[in-house]
Every structure is written in structure tokens, then in C-alpha cells.
Protein backbone atom coordinates (compact mmCIF):
# COMPACT_ATOMS: atom_id res chain seq x y z
CA UNK A 1 -24.60 -5.35 50.41
CA UNK A 2 -22.61 -2.17 49.67
CA UNK A 3 -19.18 -2.12 51.29
CA UNK A 4 -18.25 0.87 53.47
CA UNK A 5 -15.16 1.55 51.31
CA UNK A 6 -17.41 2.18 48.30
CA UNK A 7 -19.55 4.67 50.26
CA UNK A 8 -16.45 6.66 51.20
CA UNK A 9 -15.88 7.55 47.52
CA UNK A 10 -18.00 10.49 46.36
CA UNK A 11 -18.40 9.37 42.72
CA UNK A 12 -19.29 5.85 43.75
CA UNK A 13 -22.08 7.28 45.93
CA UNK A 14 -23.28 9.42 43.01
CA UNK A 15 -23.41 6.41 40.64
CA UNK A 16 -25.25 4.35 43.26
CA UNK A 17 -27.65 7.25 43.78
CA UNK A 18 -28.32 7.56 40.03
CA UNK A 19 -28.91 3.81 39.89
CA UNK A 20 -31.50 4.04 42.69
CA UNK A 21 -33.21 6.97 40.94
CA UNK A 22 -33.38 5.03 37.66
CA UNK A 23 -34.83 2.01 39.45
CA UNK A 24 -37.35 4.28 41.16
CA UNK A 25 -38.38 5.88 37.88
CA UNK A 26 -38.70 2.44 36.24
CA UNK A 27 -40.84 1.14 39.11
CA UNK A 28 -42.94 4.31 38.88
CA UNK A 29 -43.39 3.72 35.16
CA UNK A 30 -44.59 0.20 35.88
CA UNK A 31 -47.02 1.59 38.50
CA UNK A 32 -48.43 4.08 35.98
CA UNK A 33 -48.84 1.41 33.25
CA UNK A 34 -49.71 -1.58 35.40
CA UNK A 35 -53.12 -2.08 33.73
CA UNK A 36 -51.64 -2.08 30.23
CA UNK A 37 -48.81 -4.42 31.27
CA UNK A 38 -51.27 -6.83 32.94
CA UNK A 39 -53.56 -6.96 29.89
CA UNK A 40 -50.64 -7.33 27.47
CA UNK A 41 -49.22 -10.28 29.42
CA UNK A 42 -52.35 -11.99 30.74
CA UNK A 43 -55.03 -10.98 28.29
CA UNK A 44 -58.59 -10.21 29.30
CA UNK A 45 -59.38 -13.63 30.87
CA UNK A 46 -57.12 -13.24 33.96
CA UNK A 47 -55.81 -16.81 34.13
CA UNK A 48 -54.69 -18.29 37.46
CA UNK A 49 -51.01 -18.26 36.51
CA UNK A 50 -51.25 -14.44 36.24
CA UNK A 51 -52.10 -13.97 39.94
CA UNK A 52 -48.40 -13.40 41.02
CA UNK A 53 -48.06 -10.62 38.45
CA UNK A 54 -51.30 -9.05 39.65
CA UNK A 55 -49.98 -9.12 43.24
CA UNK A 56 -46.66 -7.58 42.17
CA UNK A 57 -48.27 -4.75 40.20
CA UNK A 58 -51.12 -3.85 42.58
CA UNK A 59 -50.81 -5.34 46.06
CA UNK A 60 -47.15 -4.48 46.71
CA UNK A 61 -47.71 -0.75 46.22
CA UNK A 62 -45.27 0.02 43.45
CA UNK A 63 -45.83 3.74 43.79
CA UNK A 64 -44.44 3.71 47.38
CA UNK A 65 -41.53 1.54 46.31
CA UNK A 66 -40.81 3.98 43.49
CA UNK A 67 -40.71 6.97 45.83
CA UNK A 68 -38.46 5.05 48.24
CA UNK A 69 -35.85 4.30 45.57
CA UNK A 70 -35.92 7.89 44.25
CA UNK A 71 -35.44 9.34 47.78
CA UNK A 72 -32.59 6.90 48.49
CA UNK A 73 -30.98 7.87 45.23
CA UNK A 74 -31.19 11.60 45.97
CA UNK A 75 -29.76 11.03 49.48
CA UNK A 76 -26.87 8.90 48.15
CA UNK A 77 -26.04 11.30 45.34
CA UNK A 78 -26.51 14.68 47.04
CA UNK A 79 -27.26 14.49 50.81
CA UNK A 80 -25.17 11.55 52.03
CA UNK A 81 -22.71 13.56 54.19
CA UNK A 82 -25.48 15.60 55.84
CA UNK A 83 -27.64 12.56 56.65
CA UNK A 84 -24.62 10.51 57.80
CA UNK A 85 -23.50 13.24 60.22
CA UNK A 86 -27.05 13.70 61.50
CA UNK A 87 -27.56 9.97 62.15
CA UNK A 88 -24.07 9.70 63.66
CA UNK A 89 -24.80 12.58 66.06
CA UNK A 90 -28.09 11.02 67.15
CA UNK A 91 -26.49 7.61 67.71
CA UNK A 92 -23.52 9.16 69.51
CA UNK A 93 -25.87 11.14 71.81
CA UNK A 94 -27.91 8.04 72.60
CA UNK A 95 -24.90 5.81 73.18
CA UNK A 96 -23.24 8.46 75.36
CA UNK A 97 -26.29 8.66 77.60
CA UNK A 98 -26.55 4.88 77.77
CA UNK A 99 -22.88 4.60 78.69
CA UNK A 100 -23.23 7.36 81.30
CA UNK A 101 -26.54 6.35 82.82
CA UNK A 102 -25.46 7.70 86.21
CA UNK A 103 -25.27 11.20 84.70
CA UNK A 104 -28.79 10.77 83.33
CA UNK A 105 -30.10 9.81 86.78
CA UNK A 106 -28.24 12.65 88.51
CA UNK A 107 -29.50 15.13 85.94
CA UNK A 108 -33.06 13.91 86.52
CA UNK A 109 -32.64 14.37 90.29
CA UNK A 110 -31.26 17.90 89.87
CA UNK A 111 -34.16 18.84 87.60
CA UNK A 112 -36.67 17.38 90.11
CA UNK A 113 -37.87 14.87 87.53
CA UNK A 114 -37.52 12.12 90.12
CA UNK A 115 -39.57 12.12 93.29
CA UNK A 116 -37.90 11.75 96.70
CA UNK A 117 -39.21 8.19 96.94
CA UNK A 118 -37.80 7.31 93.52
CA UNK A 119 -34.44 8.85 94.47
CA UNK A 120 -34.54 6.99 97.78
CA UNK A 121 -35.19 3.67 96.02
CA UNK A 122 -32.14 4.28 93.78
CA UNK A 123 -29.97 4.92 96.86
CA UNK A 124 -31.27 1.80 98.60
CA UNK A 125 -30.80 -0.46 95.58
CA UNK A 126 -27.37 0.91 94.71
CA UNK A 127 -26.10 0.56 98.28
CA UNK A 128 -27.56 -2.92 98.63
CA UNK A 129 -26.01 -4.18 95.40
CA UNK A 130 -22.65 -2.66 96.36
CA UNK A 131 -22.58 -3.97 99.93
CA UNK A 132 -24.90 -6.99 99.60
CA UNK A 133 -28.30 -7.83 100.99
CA UNK A 134 -28.47 -8.84 104.65
CA UNK A 135 -31.07 -11.58 104.22
CA UNK A 136 -34.54 -12.03 102.76
CA UNK A 137 -36.37 -11.03 105.94
CA UNK A 138 -34.38 -7.96 107.01
CA UNK A 139 -33.75 -4.48 105.65
CA UNK A 140 -30.47 -3.94 103.85
CA UNK A 141 -27.94 -1.44 105.14
CA UNK A 142 -29.04 0.86 102.29
CA UNK A 143 -32.59 0.81 103.63
CA UNK A 144 -31.29 1.50 107.14
CA UNK A 145 -29.21 4.49 106.02
CA UNK A 146 -32.05 5.90 103.91
CA UNK A 147 -34.62 5.55 106.71
CA UNK A 148 -32.52 6.47 109.75
CA UNK A 149 -30.19 9.11 108.34
CA UNK A 150 -31.48 10.62 105.10
CA UNK A 151 -35.21 10.48 105.92
CA UNK A 152 -34.65 11.58 109.50
CA UNK A 153 -32.62 14.62 108.42
CA UNK A 154 -35.43 15.56 106.04
CA UNK A 155 -38.13 15.11 108.71
CA UNK A 156 -36.10 17.26 111.12
CA UNK A 157 -36.16 20.12 108.62
CA UNK A 158 -33.45 19.13 106.16
CA UNK A 159 -30.51 20.51 108.17
CA UNK A 160 -26.97 19.22 108.41
CA UNK A 161 -24.02 20.65 110.33
CA UNK A 162 -20.46 21.59 109.49
CA UNK A 163 -17.39 22.93 111.30
CA UNK A 164 -18.38 21.67 114.74
CA UNK A 165 -15.98 23.13 117.31
CA UNK A 166 -16.18 22.28 121.02
CA UNK A 167 -13.84 23.10 123.89
CA UNK A 168 -14.51 21.67 127.37
CA UNK A 169 -12.50 22.82 130.37
CA UNK A 170 -13.06 21.05 133.68
CA UNK A 171 -11.74 23.03 136.63
CA UNK A 172 -11.61 22.84 140.42
CA UNK A 173 -13.96 25.09 142.39
CA UNK A 174 -12.75 27.90 144.61
CA UNK A 175 -13.82 27.07 148.20
CA UNK A 176 -14.05 30.77 148.99
CA UNK A 177 -16.74 31.20 146.33
CA UNK A 178 -18.50 27.82 146.38
CA UNK A 179 -18.04 26.70 149.98
CA UNK A 180 -18.79 23.01 150.60
CA UNK A 181 -19.53 22.41 146.91
CA UNK A 182 -15.80 22.63 146.17
CA UNK A 183 -15.23 19.26 147.83
CA UNK A 184 -17.98 17.52 145.81
CA UNK A 185 -18.04 19.10 142.33
CA UNK A 186 -15.86 20.35 139.49
CA UNK A 187 -16.69 23.29 137.26
CA UNK A 188 -17.72 22.37 133.70
CA UNK A 189 -17.09 25.09 131.07
CA UNK A 190 -18.11 24.22 127.54
CA UNK A 191 -18.22 26.40 124.43
CA UNK A 192 -19.61 24.86 121.26
CA UNK A 193 -20.09 26.41 117.84
CA UNK A 194 -21.16 24.99 114.50
CA UNK A 195 -22.76 26.00 111.23
CA UNK A 196 -26.11 24.64 110.07
CA UNK A 197 -27.04 24.47 106.41
CA UNK A 198 -30.65 24.11 105.29
CA UNK A 199 -31.43 21.97 102.22
CA UNK A 200 -35.20 22.35 102.76
CA UNK A 201 -35.60 26.11 102.82
CA UNK A 202 -38.36 27.49 105.02
CA UNK A 203 -38.48 24.80 107.68
CA UNK A 204 -37.49 25.54 111.29
CA UNK A 205 -34.38 24.09 112.91
CA UNK A 206 -35.02 21.65 115.74
CA UNK A 207 -32.48 22.58 118.40
CA UNK A 208 -32.06 19.90 121.02
CA UNK A 209 -29.67 19.68 123.96
CA UNK A 210 -29.54 18.00 127.36
CA UNK A 211 -27.18 17.69 130.31
CA UNK A 212 -27.27 16.46 133.88
CA UNK A 213 -25.36 16.83 137.14
CA UNK A 214 -25.09 14.01 139.65
CA UNK A 215 -26.13 15.54 142.95
CA UNK A 216 -24.04 14.72 146.02
CA UNK A 217 -26.40 16.45 148.46
CA UNK A 218 -30.00 17.54 147.82
CA UNK A 219 -29.24 20.91 149.44
CA UNK A 220 -26.85 21.62 146.54
CA UNK A 221 -29.66 21.98 143.97
CA UNK A 222 -30.32 25.69 144.58
CA UNK A 223 -26.58 26.48 144.49
CA UNK A 224 -26.23 24.58 141.19
CA UNK A 225 -29.16 26.55 139.73
CA UNK A 226 -27.70 29.86 140.93
CA UNK A 227 -24.41 29.23 139.15
CA UNK A 228 -25.79 27.41 136.12
CA UNK A 229 -25.37 29.09 132.73
CA UNK A 230 -26.67 28.08 129.32
CA UNK A 231 -26.89 30.56 126.41
CA UNK A 232 -27.75 29.84 122.77
CA UNK A 233 -27.27 32.21 119.84
CA UNK A 234 -28.34 31.54 116.25
CA UNK A 235 -27.06 33.86 113.51
CA UNK A 236 -25.93 36.27 116.26
CA UNK A 237 -29.39 36.45 117.87
CA UNK A 238 -30.19 35.06 121.33
CA UNK A 239 -32.73 32.25 121.18
CA UNK A 240 -32.35 31.07 124.79
CA UNK A 241 -30.72 32.07 128.07
CA UNK A 242 -30.98 30.27 131.38
CA UNK A 243 -30.76 33.68 133.08
CA UNK A 244 -34.30 34.46 131.91
CA UNK A 245 -35.63 31.52 133.98
CA UNK A 246 -33.21 31.40 136.89
CA UNK A 247 -35.34 33.17 139.55
CA UNK A 248 -38.44 31.09 138.75
CA UNK A 249 -36.42 27.87 138.81
CA UNK A 250 -34.80 28.76 142.14
CA UNK A 251 -38.29 29.36 143.59
CA UNK A 252 -39.68 26.16 142.05
CA UNK A 253 -40.40 23.31 144.50
CA UNK A 254 -39.36 20.17 142.58
CA UNK A 255 -40.60 17.77 145.23
CA UNK A 256 -44.12 19.21 145.19
CA UNK A 257 -44.49 20.48 141.59
CA UNK A 258 -42.21 18.09 139.72
CA UNK A 259 -40.54 19.39 136.56
CA UNK A 260 -40.16 23.02 135.62
CA UNK A 261 -41.33 23.56 132.04
CA UNK A 262 -41.40 26.69 129.94
CA UNK A 263 -41.13 27.16 126.16
CA UNK A 264 -39.02 24.10 125.39
CA UNK A 265 -37.06 24.18 128.64
CA UNK A 266 -37.37 21.30 131.11
CA UNK A 267 -35.56 21.29 134.46
CA UNK A 268 -36.01 18.39 136.86
CA UNK A 269 -34.48 16.84 139.97
CA UNK A 270 -34.89 13.10 139.60
CA UNK A 271 -33.08 9.99 140.90
CA UNK A 272 -30.25 12.00 142.40
CA UNK A 273 -29.61 14.06 139.24
CA UNK A 274 -30.19 17.66 138.28
CA UNK A 275 -31.47 17.39 134.71
CA UNK A 276 -31.55 20.17 132.11
CA UNK A 277 -32.93 19.88 128.59
CA UNK A 278 -33.93 22.34 125.91
CA UNK A 279 -35.88 21.39 122.76
CA UNK A 280 -37.38 23.98 120.47
CA UNK A 281 -38.02 24.61 116.80
CA UNK A 282 -36.43 27.91 115.86
CA UNK A 283 -36.70 29.81 112.59
CA UNK A 284 -33.49 30.18 110.58
CA UNK A 285 -33.22 33.54 108.78
CA UNK A 286 -30.78 32.30 106.11
CA UNK A 287 -29.85 29.07 104.34
CA UNK A 288 -26.61 28.96 106.35
CA UNK A 289 -26.35 30.13 109.96
CA UNK A 290 -23.91 29.86 112.89
CA UNK A 291 -24.95 28.46 116.26
CA UNK A 292 -22.98 29.23 119.44
CA UNK A 293 -23.70 27.56 122.80
CA UNK A 294 -22.06 28.60 126.09
CA UNK A 295 -22.55 26.32 129.10
CA UNK A 296 -21.22 26.64 132.63
CA UNK A 297 -22.28 23.74 134.81
CA UNK A 298 -20.93 21.24 137.31
CA UNK A 299 -19.82 17.66 137.35
CA UNK A 300 -19.59 15.42 140.39
CA UNK A 301 -16.03 14.56 141.42
CA UNK A 302 -17.19 10.93 141.46
CA UNK A 303 -18.34 11.17 137.82
CA UNK A 304 -15.45 9.90 135.68
CA UNK A 305 -17.12 9.40 132.25
CA UNK A 306 -18.07 11.66 129.35
CA UNK A 307 -19.86 10.72 126.13
CA UNK A 308 -20.07 13.01 123.07
CA UNK A 309 -23.08 12.13 120.93
CA UNK A 310 -24.31 13.62 117.63
CA UNK A 311 -27.91 13.61 116.43
CA UNK A 312 -27.12 15.15 113.03
CA UNK A 313 -24.65 14.35 110.23
CA UNK A 314 -21.71 16.70 110.75
CA UNK A 315 -18.90 17.69 108.37
CA UNK A 316 -15.61 18.42 110.15
CA UNK A 317 -15.22 18.19 113.93
CA UNK A 318 -12.77 19.84 116.31
CA UNK A 319 -12.99 18.67 119.92
CA UNK A 320 -10.82 19.57 122.92
CA UNK A 321 -11.18 18.19 126.44
CA UNK A 322 -9.11 19.43 129.37
CA UNK A 323 -9.10 18.14 132.96
CA UNK A 324 -7.36 19.40 136.12
CA UNK A 325 -3.74 18.26 136.46
CA UNK A 326 -4.48 15.74 139.21
CA UNK A 327 -6.68 13.66 136.86
CA UNK A 328 -5.61 11.47 133.93
CA UNK A 329 -7.55 10.18 130.91
CA UNK A 330 -6.99 6.47 130.54
CA UNK A 331 -9.55 5.67 127.84
CA UNK A 332 -10.58 7.50 124.67
CA UNK A 333 -12.84 5.46 122.40
CA UNK A 334 -13.42 7.06 119.02
CA UNK A 335 -16.12 5.62 116.76
CA UNK A 336 -14.80 7.45 113.70
CA UNK A 337 -11.80 5.11 113.69
CA UNK A 338 -13.99 2.01 113.54
CA UNK A 339 -15.67 2.56 110.18
CA UNK A 340 -13.13 0.29 108.54
CA UNK A 341 -10.32 -2.15 109.28
CA UNK A 342 -7.76 0.66 109.52
CA UNK A 343 -7.80 4.17 110.92
CA UNK A 344 -8.94 6.65 108.21
CA UNK A 345 -6.60 9.50 107.38
CA UNK A 346 -9.20 12.18 108.14
CA UNK A 347 -9.61 11.10 111.80
CA UNK A 348 -6.93 12.31 114.20
CA UNK A 349 -6.75 11.64 117.93
CA UNK A 350 -3.97 12.74 120.22
CA UNK A 351 -3.24 13.30 123.89
CA UNK A 352 -0.62 16.00 124.41
CA UNK A 353 -0.70 15.28 128.16
CA UNK A 354 -2.45 12.70 130.28
CA UNK A 355 -5.24 15.13 131.24
CA UNK A 356 -5.95 16.51 127.73
CA UNK A 357 -7.45 15.03 124.57
CA UNK A 358 -7.64 16.39 121.05
CA UNK A 359 -9.92 14.96 118.36
CA UNK A 360 -10.09 16.24 114.77
CA UNK A 361 -12.29 14.74 112.07
CA UNK A 362 -11.79 16.19 108.60
CA UNK A 363 -14.76 14.50 106.95
CA UNK A 364 -18.28 13.38 107.87
CA UNK A 365 -19.32 12.08 111.26
CA UNK A 366 -22.60 10.17 111.30
CA UNK A 367 -25.23 10.50 114.05
CA UNK A 368 -24.40 8.43 117.11
CA UNK A 369 -21.63 8.24 119.69
CA UNK A 370 -18.55 10.20 118.61
CA UNK A 371 -16.29 9.51 121.57
CA UNK A 372 -16.31 8.17 125.14
CA UNK A 373 -13.75 9.43 127.64
CA UNK A 374 -12.93 7.89 130.99
CA UNK A 375 -10.54 9.30 133.62
CA UNK A 376 -9.22 8.65 137.09
CA UNK A 377 -7.02 10.28 139.71
CA UNK A 378 -3.39 10.58 138.78
CA UNK A 379 -1.51 8.24 141.09
CA UNK A 380 2.12 9.14 140.31
CA UNK A 381 3.90 11.56 138.03
CA UNK A 382 4.53 9.84 134.70
CA UNK A 383 7.68 9.99 132.65
CA UNK A 384 7.17 12.39 129.67
CA UNK A 385 7.90 9.53 127.25
CA UNK A 386 4.95 7.60 128.66
CA UNK A 387 2.44 10.42 128.47
CA UNK A 388 -0.44 10.41 126.03
CA UNK A 389 -2.43 7.90 124.06
CA UNK A 390 -0.34 8.36 120.90
CA UNK A 391 1.19 5.05 119.95
CA UNK A 392 -1.14 3.11 122.21
CA UNK A 393 -3.99 0.95 121.07
CA UNK A 394 -6.97 2.65 122.72
CA UNK A 395 -9.91 0.37 123.35
CA UNK A 396 -12.77 0.78 120.87
CA UNK A 397 -16.39 1.65 121.64
CA UNK A 398 -18.88 -1.16 121.18
């Protein structure tokens, strides 16, 4: 075997190359004169002991062996550097791709060389191996995430949200304007805005929202409807306004005709609740669009619980909740702080006063319950040092 040190020397390679060429020429000479050599050695009787020579001269293909030695000799003497660099580049390219297999897979995904199902199987297997399989008879957490988050987003049109901003102000009613309702309800003012991004261009966005008001007296329904407001704008264009339906809803007899339905809107009076919901697929003119929702509603004074729930993955959340001064928030459960054993740095919760809550999430929030707030009447004025949830261990949401 030729040592690598010898191959590094140019003249050594040239001598080795000349040797290979000479051997090739000699073998070629033997191939050209094989008949004469065989007859000179074995005679015309072809004895048995001459069979090995016959195999060597004919069956081994001396002509091919000759060409091989000559080519090796030329490469060693003249083309060694070029061939060595070429082979080295090929091996380096192959080894680099083997060592960075993740880049190969990602590149295949970006070039659409992998189907969605193939990509999904990679996500499931990777997550399962990283976090472990649950058991042999149940889906892994990777399968759950792929089916209930990734697949669901795709089925809903391929939209995700970012920069969700919501401010809720709960206020007392003016008896001069609302009469007897002022003793039973509080005013609910909510403004919400967020940006939707479409990863599956061309599909409509499935807007979905619902709210309800616990009714103290059945005679309050028409007054609630008269003061109810719900407006939705997408990319600056109105896609829904409760004002367009108000007169028909006021005239609607819920006891006789049941629900009021019209173009995605459903209004019902059921089990002591005024129920509003709006579900409609709306076209999105651009890949990224802003959505703004303005709601003015009511909440029963006896209702002391609020739950913020997301149905879409959302990047960055700003949430503000303000109550009248005679109420205090005693519980604020935040699911974003329960993803791990310690509170993540991108989730911030504070209570500047006992009737106000601030929540800021700087990263992703998964679909599900974001926060649950509970409040009660303020019994006594608290010392400023005791105000707020900061420093307290708020109970978690189960």
C-alpha cells in the first residue's frame, strides 16, 4: 500500500504513474501476443497443467487490466491534484449533508419536495422521541399537537394571529339613562385588535365570536338589545355591525320563534341568558390583515367571573382588565405561566391596583384558556403595600 507521505511528493507520484503506465503497456503487450505466448509455453497439445495460463491470458481480460493501469498511471503522473480535489469536494459535500441532515429535511420542506403528511410524520416522530411516547395504546404528545393545533389551523384556512391587544373596561350604569337596569347590570366595553397572517393564500378566514349576558329580569332583554353594540372591521372594511340587525332583533319574539339567525349571526334568549354569537367565513384581501372588534354589552352585577379563551395560536398578547373601584380582583389564573416548572420570562402579570389586571405575553400562546379572573366587592380600603397580586402566589388554572 502506498503511504500518504509518498503521494504528497510530486516526483514520487510521477515515478509511480510511469510505473503503472509501463505495467499497463506490458500487460497490453501480453494481451496482443497471448496466442503466441500460449503456444510457445504449452505447445499445440494444450496439456492440463497449462489451464491456469490460459485463464490468465484470456479469461481475466488482460486488455481491460492494461487500460486500467495506463489510466491510473496518467492520473498519478499528470492529473492527481485535479482528481484529488474533485473527489475531496464530492466527499465533503456528502459528509456535510449527512452531518447536517436537519438542513436537508428543511430544504426539502421549503422546496415542497415533502408532502404535508410526510412533514407531519417528521414533526410527530421528532417530538415523540424528544419528549417520550405516552404508551403503546395512546397518541404521543407530538401526535396531539400535530392533529389538534397544526392540522386544525390548516383546516381553518391556515391563519395564525399576532399582536393581540384587548382592553376591557367594566363601568357602572347611569340610572338616569338606564333606569332600573343600573341596579342589576354593569356596562361592558371591550376593544380588541389583532393581525391575522395567512399561510394558505386564497382561503377565507373563519371569524368566530360569542358572548352572553345573564338576565336578571326577562323584561330587560329589549333594553339590552337596544344598547348592545358589536362591530367588526377587517383590513379597514366593515364585515359586521349589530346595528344592521337591531330593529329586526328588537321585533323578534324569542319565545315564539326561538333564535334569530341571519348570515352567521345567532341571537337567542335561553336558560336566563341573552346569547350572541357570530360565525362567518370572510375573504381576506391580503396575506396580512388587521382585525378590530368593538363591543359594548352588559354583565350582571352577580356575575363575578371572566374567562379569556383563544381558538388560534397567537404571537404576542396585551390584555388589560379594569373594574369599578368598589370591586377587587382576588384571583388571576394565567395558563401561560404553567407551561413549565417556573414562570417563563416572556409572560408578565401584574395588578397595579386591586381592581385592575395587566397581562403581557411576548411569545406564543396556544389555543385554550389564557386567563380566568374572579372578583368580589371590596370590603375595606386596603393599605397600598398590600395592593396587587405582585409577589403573591396566584392560584393556577386546572
